[in-house]
PDB file of N, CA and C in Angstrom:
ATOM      1  N   MET A   1       0.849  -1.553  -0.098  1.00  0.00           N
ATOM      2  CA  MET A   1       0.093   0.108   0.276  1.00  0.00           C
ATOM      3  C   MET A   1       0.785   0.794   0.175  1.00  0.00           C
ATOM      4  N   ASN A   2       0.786   2.189  -0.654  1.00  0.00           N
ATOM      5  CA  ASN A   2       1.110   3.486  -1.168  1.00  0.00           C
ATOM      6  C   ASN A   2       1.176   4.099   0.497  1.00  0.00           C
ATOM      7  N   PRO A   3       1.975   5.223   0.793  1.00  0.00           N
ATOM      8  CA  PRO A   3       1.278   6.057   1.722  1.00  0.00           C
ATOM      9  C   PRO A   3       0.915   7.005   1.213  1.00  0.00           C
ATOM     10  N   VAL A   4       0.197   7.756   2.211  1.00  0.00           N
ATOM     11  CA  VAL A   4      -0.454   9.189   1.440  1.00  0.00           C
ATOM     12  C   VAL A   4       0.219  10.248   1.468  1.00  0.00           C
ATOM     13  N   MET A   5       0.263  10.533  -0.059  1.00  0.00           N
ATOM     14  CA  MET A   5       0.665  11.886   0.323  1.00  0.00           C
ATOM     15  C   MET A   5      -0.119  13.116   0.748  1.00  0.00           C
ATOM     16  N   LEU A   6       0.576  13.838   1.483  1.00  0.00           N
ATOM     17  CA  LEU A   6      -0.387  15.037   1.800  1.00  0.00           C
ATOM     18  C   LEU A   6       0.356  15.917   1.433  1.00  0.00           C
ATOM     19  N   ASP A   7      -0.231  17.477   1.322  1.00  0.00           N
ATOM     20  CA  ASP A   7       0.105  18.535   1.080  1.00  0.00           C
ATOM     21  C   ASP A   7       0.303  19.612   1.530  1.00  0.00           C
ATOM     22  N   LYS A   8       0.620  20.917   1.501  1.00  0.00           N
ATOM     23  CA  LYS A   8       0.629  21.635   3.018  1.00  0.00           C
ATOM     24  C   LYS A   8      -0.691  22.081   3.340  1.00  0.00           C
ATOM     25  N   VAL A   9      -1.419  22.413   2.635  1.00  0.00           N
ATOM     26  CA  VAL A   9      -2.971  22.622   2.778  1.00  0.00           C
ATOM     27  C   VAL A   9      -3.389  21.570   3.727  1.00  0.00           C
ATOM     28  N   ASP A  10      -3.516  20.141   3.121  1.00  0.00           N
ATOM     29  CA  ASP A  10      -3.521  18.861   4.126  1.00  0.00           C
ATOM     30  C   ASP A  10      -3.422  19.039   5.638  1.00  0.00           C
ATOM     31  N   GLU A  11      -1.939  19.394   5.558  1.00  0.00           N
ATOM     32  CA  GLU A  11      -1.013  19.128   7.048  1.00  0.00           C
ATOM     33  C   GLU A  11      -1.863  19.676   7.539  1.00  0.00           C
ATOM     34  N   PHE A  12      -2.067  21.331   7.148  1.00  0.00           N
ATOM     35  CA  PHE A  12      -2.161  22.195   8.469  1.00  0.00           C
ATOM     36  C   PHE A  12      -3.839  21.873   8.565  1.00  0.00           C
ATOM     37  N   ILE A  13      -4.821  21.230   7.931  1.00  0.00           N
ATOM     38  CA  ILE A  13      -6.255  21.193   7.909  1.00  0.00           C
ATOM     39  C   ILE A  13      -5.908  20.103   9.265  1.00  0.00           C
ATOM     40  N   VAL A  14      -5.301  19.421   8.811  1.00  0.00           N
ATOM     41  CA  VAL A  14      -4.934  17.999  10.077  1.00  0.00           C
ATOM     42  C   VAL A  14      -4.471  18.433  11.486  1.00  0.00           C
ATOM     43  N   GLY A  15      -3.812  19.387  10.986  1.00  0.00           N
ATOM     44  CA  GLY A  15      -3.564  19.672  12.220  1.00  0.00           C
ATOM     45  C   GLY A  15      -4.025  20.147  13.566  1.00  0.00           C
ATOM     46  N   ILE A  16      -4.775  21.808  12.390  1.00  0.00           N
ATOM     47  CA  ILE A  16      -6.120  22.181  13.179  1.00  0.00           C
ATOM     48  C   ILE A  16      -7.110  21.528  13.895  1.00  0.00           C
ATOM     49  N   LEU A  17      -7.315  20.479  12.983  1.00  0.00           N
ATOM     50  CA  LEU A  17      -8.223  18.991  13.597  1.00  0.00           C
ATOM     51  C   LEU A  17      -7.792  18.426  14.975  1.00  0.00           C
ATOM     52  N   ASN A  18      -6.593  17.894  14.559  1.00  0.00           N
ATOM     53  CA  ASN A  18      -5.728  17.475  15.666  1.00  0.00           C
ATOM     54  C   ASN A  18      -5.724  18.413  17.196  1.00  0.00           C
ATOM     55  N   LYS A  19      -5.821  19.817  17.017  1.00  0.00           N
ATOM     56  CA  LYS A  19      -5.665  20.667  18.092  1.00  0.00           C
ATOM     57  C   LYS A  19      -6.579  20.848  18.737  1.00  0.00           C
ATOM     58  N   SER A  20      -8.244  20.407  17.553  1.00  0.00           N
ATOM     59  CA  SER A  20      -9.535  21.217  18.381  1.00  0.00           C
ATOM     60  C   SER A  20      -9.833  19.934  19.554  1.00  0.00           C
ATOM     61  N   ALA A  21     -10.443  20.565  20.369  1.00  0.00           N
ATOM     62  CA  ALA A  21     -10.987  19.137  21.133  1.00  0.00           C
ATOM     63  C   ALA A  21     -12.721  18.933  20.737  1.00  0.00           C
ATOM     64  N   LYS A  22     -12.829  18.689  19.677  1.00  0.00           N
ATOM     65  CA  LYS A  22     -14.479  18.297  19.157  1.00  0.00           C
ATOM     66  C   LYS A  22     -14.070  18.599  17.897  1.00  0.00           C
ATOM     67  N   PRO A  23     -15.288  17.670  17.018  1.00  0.00           N
ATOM     68  CA  PRO A  23     -14.826  17.795  15.478  1.00  0.00           C
ATOM     69  C   PRO A  23     -15.400  19.287  15.135  1.00  0.00           C
ATOM     70  N   LEU A  24     -15.261  20.099  14.011  1.00  0.00           N
ATOM     71  CA  LEU A  24     -15.218  20.946  13.369  1.00  0.00           C
ATOM     72  C   LEU A  24     -15.914  20.832  11.806  1.00  0.00           C
ATOM     73  N   THR A  25     -16.633  21.849  11.731  1.00  0.00           N
ATOM     74  CA  THR A  25     -17.610  22.063  10.519  1.00  0.00           C
ATOM     75  C   THR A  25     -16.451  22.569   9.180  1.00  0.00           C
ATOM     76  N   VAL A  26     -16.658  22.843   7.891  1.00  0.00           N
ATOM     77  CA  VAL A  26     -15.696  23.289   7.244  1.00  0.00           C
ATOM     78  C   VAL A  26     -15.549  24.368   7.071  1.00  0.00           C
ATOM     79  N   TYR A  27     -16.600  25.384   8.089  1.00  0.00           N
ATOM     80  CA  TYR A  27     -16.402  26.552   7.882  1.00  0.00           C
ATOM     81  C   TYR A  27     -15.974  26.531   8.777  1.00  0.00           C
ATOM     82  N   GLN A  28     -15.708  26.412   9.964  1.00  0.00           N
ATOM     83  CA  GLN A  28     -15.042  26.567  11.086  1.00  0.00           C
ATOM     84  C   GLN A  28     -13.530  26.704  10.871  1.00  0.00           C
ATOM     85  N   ILE A  29     -13.146  24.850  10.100  1.00  0.00           N
ATOM     86  CA  ILE A  29     -11.822  24.833   9.460  1.00  0.00           C
ATOM     87  C   ILE A  29     -11.101  25.845   9.262  1.00  0.00           C
ATOM     88  N   ALA A  30     -11.807  26.271   7.489  1.00  0.00           N
ATOM     89  CA  ALA A  30     -11.774  27.369   6.635  1.00  0.00           C
ATOM     90  C   ALA A  30     -11.249  28.858   7.612  1.00  0.00           C
ATOM     91  N   LYS A  31     -12.348  29.096   8.483  1.00  0.00           N
ATOM     92  CA  LYS A  31     -12.177  30.304   9.157  1.00  0.00           C
ATOM     93  C   LYS A  31     -10.528  30.883   9.867  1.00  0.00           C
ATOM     94  N   GLU A  32     -10.014  29.428  10.870  1.00  0.00           N
ATOM     95  CA  GLU A  32      -9.381  28.910  11.481  1.00  0.00           C
ATOM     96  C   GLU A  32      -8.016  29.038  10.749  1.00  0.00           C
ATOM     97  N   ALA A  33      -8.256  28.348   9.751  1.00  0.00           N
ATOM     98  CA  ALA A  33      -7.002  28.597   8.621  1.00  0.00           C
ATOM     99  C   ALA A  33      -6.964  29.968   7.554  1.00  0.00           C
ATOM    100  N   GLY A  34      -7.739  30.611   7.805  1.00  0.00           N
ATOM    101  CA  GLY A  34      -7.751  31.531   6.461  1.00  0.00           C
ATOM    102  C   GLY A  34      -7.571  30.903   5.191  1.00  0.00           C
ATOM    103  N   LEU A  35      -8.399  30.357   4.902  1.00  0.00           N
ATOM    104  CA  LEU A  35      -8.358  29.025   3.521  1.00  0.00           C
ATOM    105  C   LEU A  35     -10.461  29.688   3.084  1.00  0.00           C
ATOM    106  N   SER A  36     -10.519  29.589   1.427  1.00  0.00           N
ATOM    107  CA  SER A  36     -12.127  29.329   1.345  1.00  0.00           C
ATOM    108  C   SER A  36     -12.583  27.932   1.684  1.00  0.00           C
ATOM    109  N   TRP A  37     -13.733  28.510   1.712  1.00  0.00           N
ATOM    110  CA  TRP A  37     -14.705  27.326   2.314  1.00  0.00           C
ATOM    111  C   TRP A  37     -14.582  26.243   1.426  1.00  0.00           C
ATOM    112  N   ALA A  38     -14.991  26.426   0.235  1.00  0.00           N
ATOM    113  CA  ALA A  38     -14.216  25.603  -1.154  1.00  0.00           C
ATOM    114  C   ALA A  38     -13.135  24.768  -0.931  1.00  0.00           C
ATOM    115  N   THR A  39     -12.238  25.391  -0.674  1.00  0.00           N
ATOM    116  CA  THR A  39     -10.449  25.046  -0.858  1.00  0.00           C
ATOM    117  C   THR A  39     -10.643  23.505   0.689  1.00  0.00           C
ATOM    118  N   VAL A  40     -11.511  24.375   1.692  1.00  0.00           N
ATOM    119  CA  VAL A  40     -11.269  23.207   2.889  1.00  0.00           C
ATOM    120  C   VAL A  40     -11.907  21.998   2.012  1.00  0.00           C
ATOM    121  N   ASN A  41     -13.099  22.639   1.650  1.00  0.00           N
ATOM    122  CA  ASN A  41     -13.938  21.418   1.695  1.00  0.00           C
ATOM    123  C   ASN A  41     -13.453  20.508   0.599  1.00  0.00           C
ATOM    124  N   ILE A  42     -12.813  21.130  -0.632  1.00  0.00           N
ATOM    125  CA  ILE A  42     -11.972  19.376  -1.606  1.00  0.00           C
ATOM    126  C   ILE A  42     -10.987  18.629  -0.730  1.00  0.00           C
ATOM    127  N   HIS A  43     -10.418  19.329  -0.094  1.00  0.00           N
ATOM    128  CA  HIS A  43      -9.213  19.257   1.049  1.00  0.00           C
ATOM    129  C   HIS A  43      -9.589  17.856   2.030  1.00  0.00           C
ATOM    130  N   CYS A  44     -11.183  18.322   2.557  1.00  0.00           N
ATOM    131  CA  CYS A  44     -11.626  16.836   3.647  1.00  0.00           C
ATOM    132  C   CYS A  44     -11.950  15.957   3.094  1.00  0.00           C
ATOM    133  N   TYR A  45     -12.883  16.198   1.905  1.00  0.00           N
ATOM    134  CA  TYR A  45     -13.107  15.026   1.051  1.00  0.00           C
ATOM    135  C   TYR A  45     -11.910  14.302   0.741  1.00  0.00           C
ATOM    136  N   LYS A  46     -10.779  15.094   0.323  1.00  0.00           N
ATOM    137  CA  LYS A  46      -9.414  14.199   0.053  1.00  0.00           C
ATOM    138  C   LYS A  46      -8.820  13.244   1.051  1.00  0.00           C
ATOM    139  N   LEU A  47      -9.020  14.001   2.097  1.00  0.00           N
ATOM    140  CA  LEU A  47      -8.479  13.575   3.311  1.00  0.00           C
ATOM    141  C   LEU A  47      -9.130  11.946   3.899  1.00  0.00           C
ATOM    142  N   LYS A  48     -10.546  12.725   3.170  1.00  0.00           N
ATOM    143  CA  LYS A  48     -11.416  11.040   4.142  1.00  0.00           C
ATOM    144  C   LYS A  48     -11.251   9.844   2.835  1.00  0.00           C
ATOM    145  N   SER A  49     -10.966  10.076   1.592  1.00  0.00           N
ATOM    146  CA  SER A  49     -10.848   9.134   0.892  1.00  0.00           C
ATOM    147  C   SER A  49      -9.812   8.376   1.279  1.00  0.00           C
ATOM    148  N   ASN A  50      -8.595   9.283   1.578  1.00  0.00           N
ATOM    149  CA  ASN A  50      -7.252   8.641   1.993  1.00  0.00           C
ATOM    150  C   ASN A  50      -7.286   8.158   3.692  1.00  0.00           C
ATOM    151  N   GLY A  51      -8.376   8.190   4.332  1.00  0.00           N
ATOM    152  CA  GLY A  51      -8.724   7.602   5.384  1.00  0.00           C
ATOM    153  C   GLY A  51      -8.031   8.033   6.498  1.00  0.00           C
ATOM    154  N   VAL A  52      -7.220   9.596   6.332  1.00  0.00           N
ATOM    155  CA  VAL A  52      -6.941  10.951   7.110  1.00  0.00           C
ATOM    156  C   VAL A  52      -7.930  11.133   8.425  1.00  0.00           C
ATOM    157  N   VAL A  53      -9.114  11.428   7.502  1.00  0.00           N
ATOM    158  CA  VAL A  53     -10.029  12.319   8.562  1.00  0.00           C
ATOM    159  C   VAL A  53     -11.499  11.146   8.755  1.00  0.00           C
ATOM    160  N   ASN A  54     -12.145  11.417   9.211  1.00  0.00           N
ATOM    161  CA  ASN A  54     -13.392  11.248   9.695  1.00  0.00           C
ATOM    162  C   ASN A  54     -14.663  11.991   9.256  1.00  0.00           C
ATOM    163  N   ASP A  55     -15.785  11.746   8.879  1.00  0.00           N
ATOM    164  CA  ASP A  55     -16.635  12.614   8.850  1.00  0.00           C
ATOM    165  C   ASP A  55     -18.126  12.276   9.716  1.00  0.00           C
ATOM    166  N   ASN A  56     -18.672  13.011  10.436  1.00  0.00           N
ATOM    167  CA  ASN A  56     -19.734  12.883  10.791  1.00  0.00           C
ATOM    168  C   ASN A  56     -20.840  13.647  10.552  1.00  0.00           C
ATOM    169  N   ILE A  57     -22.467  13.163  10.063  1.00  0.00           N
ATOM    170  CA  ILE A  57     -22.955  13.792   9.431  1.00  0.00           C
ATOM    171  C   ILE A  57     -24.151  13.976  10.491  1.00  0.00           C
ATOM    172  N   TYR A  58     -24.500  14.647  10.922  1.00  0.00           N
ATOM    173  CA  TYR A  58     -25.683  15.105  11.553  1.00  0.00           C
ATOM    174  C   TYR A  58     -26.735  15.578  11.132  1.00  0.00           C
ATOM    175  N   GLU A  59     -27.708  15.961  11.356  1.00  0.00           N
ATOM    176  CA  GLU A  59     -29.287  16.284  11.244  1.00  0.00           C
ATOM    177  C   GLU A  59     -29.600  17.231  12.161  1.00  0.00           C
ATOM    178  N   CYS A  60     -29.811  18.268  11.914  1.00  0.00           N
ATOM    179  CA  CYS A  60     -30.224  19.922  12.205  1.00  0.00           C
ATOM    180  C   CYS A  60     -31.288  20.107  12.651  1.00  0.00           C
ATOM    181  N   GLY A  61     -31.764  20.099  11.864  1.00  0.00           N
ATOM    182  CA  GLY A  61     -33.660  19.972  11.037  1.00  0.00           C
ATOM    183  C   GLY A  61     -33.730  19.714  10.348  1.00  0.00           C
ATOM    184  N   PRO A  62     -35.189  20.292  10.335  1.00  0.00           N
ATOM    185  CA  PRO A  62     -35.785  19.342   8.891  1.00  0.00           C
ATOM    186  C   PRO A  62     -34.770  19.428   8.008  1.00  0.00           C
ATOM    187  N   GLY A  63     -34.599  18.332   7.158  1.00  0.00           N
ATOM    188  CA  GLY A  63     -33.647  18.385   5.908  1.00  0.00           C
ATOM    189  C   GLY A  63     -32.348  18.986   5.742  1.00  0.00           C
ATOM    190  N   GLN A  64     -31.876  18.909   7.092  1.00  0.00           N
ATOM    191  CA  GLN A  64     -30.566  19.934   7.040  1.00  0.00           C
ATOM    192  C   GLN A  64     -29.820  19.179   7.438  1.00  0.00           C
ATOM    193  N   LYS A  65     -28.666  18.662   7.372  1.00  0.00           N
ATOM    194  CA  LYS A  65     -27.558  18.418   7.800  1.00  0.00           C
ATOM    195  C   LYS A  65     -26.243  18.954   7.898  1.00  0.00           C
ATOM    196  N   LYS A  66     -25.482  18.647   8.668  1.00  0.00           N
ATOM    197  CA  LYS A  66     -24.503  19.437   8.910  1.00  0.00           C
ATOM    198  C   LYS A  66     -22.835  17.892   9.191  1.00  0.00           C
ATOM    199  N   THR A  67     -22.407  18.462   8.212  1.00  0.00           N
ATOM    200  CA  THR A  67     -20.732  17.436   8.552  1.00  0.00           C
ATOM    201  C   THR A  67     -19.631  17.842   9.439  1.00  0.00           C
ATOM    202  N   LEU A  68     -19.309  17.204  10.175  1.00  0.00           N
ATOM    203  CA  LEU A  68     -18.314  17.529  11.297  1.00  0.00           C
ATOM    204  C   LEU A  68     -17.300  16.771  11.152  1.00  0.00           C
ATOM    205  N   TRP A  69     -15.927  16.929  11.082  1.00  0.00           N
ATOM    206  CA  TRP A  69     -14.951  16.428  10.525  1.00  0.00           C
ATOM    207  C   TRP A  69     -14.135  16.522  11.926  1.00  0.00           C
ATOM    208  N   CYS A  70     -13.164  15.297  12.436  1.00  0.00           N
ATOM    209  CA  CYS A  70     -12.211  14.860  12.946  1.00  0.00           C
ATOM    210  C   CYS A  70     -11.139  13.856  12.910  1.00  0.00           C
ATOM    211  N   VAL A  71     -10.475  14.000  13.497  1.00  0.00           N
ATOM    212  CA  VAL A  71      -8.964  12.999  13.486  1.00  0.00           C
ATOM    213  C   VAL A  71      -9.368  11.644  14.133  1.00  0.00           C
ATOM    214  N   PRO A  72      -9.548  10.535  13.093  1.00  0.00           N
ATOM    215  CA  PRO A  72      -9.644   9.322  14.394  1.00  0.00           C
ATOM    216  C   PRO A  72      -8.788   9.215  15.284  1.00  0.00           C
ATOM    217  N   GLU A  73      -9.679   8.438  15.954  1.00  0.00           N
ATOM    218  CA  GLU A  73      -8.853   8.030  17.680  1.00  0.00           C
ATOM    219  C   GLU A  73      -7.548   7.643  17.034  1.00  0.00           C
ATOM    220  N   LYS A  74      -6.877   7.461  18.137  1.00  0.00           N
ATOM    221  CA  LYS A  74      -5.350   7.445  18.093  1.00  0.00           C
ATOM    222  C   LYS A  74      -5.721   6.062  19.137  1.00  0.00           C
ATOM    223  N   THR A  75      -4.930   4.418  18.614  1.00  0.00           N
ATOM    224  CA  THR A  75      -5.119   3.837  19.844  1.00  0.00           C
ATOM    225  C   THR A  75      -3.178   3.687  20.376  1.00  0.00           C
TER     226      THR A  75
END
């Protein structure tokens, strides 16, 4: 299996998630990172597909969903 190649933006996002005590939305990550929402969204899904981060989808109202991103628990 090939190791996951992370660029600087990926590493920055993972660092923000590692420092956070709770899962964050894309908006919260983007605000902390000083990046656009769209950039962070693309990188979060890239990191998810490589198994680096997890997403948790919550229903927060009728027909509304919120995705929270976190780093998998380390054992």
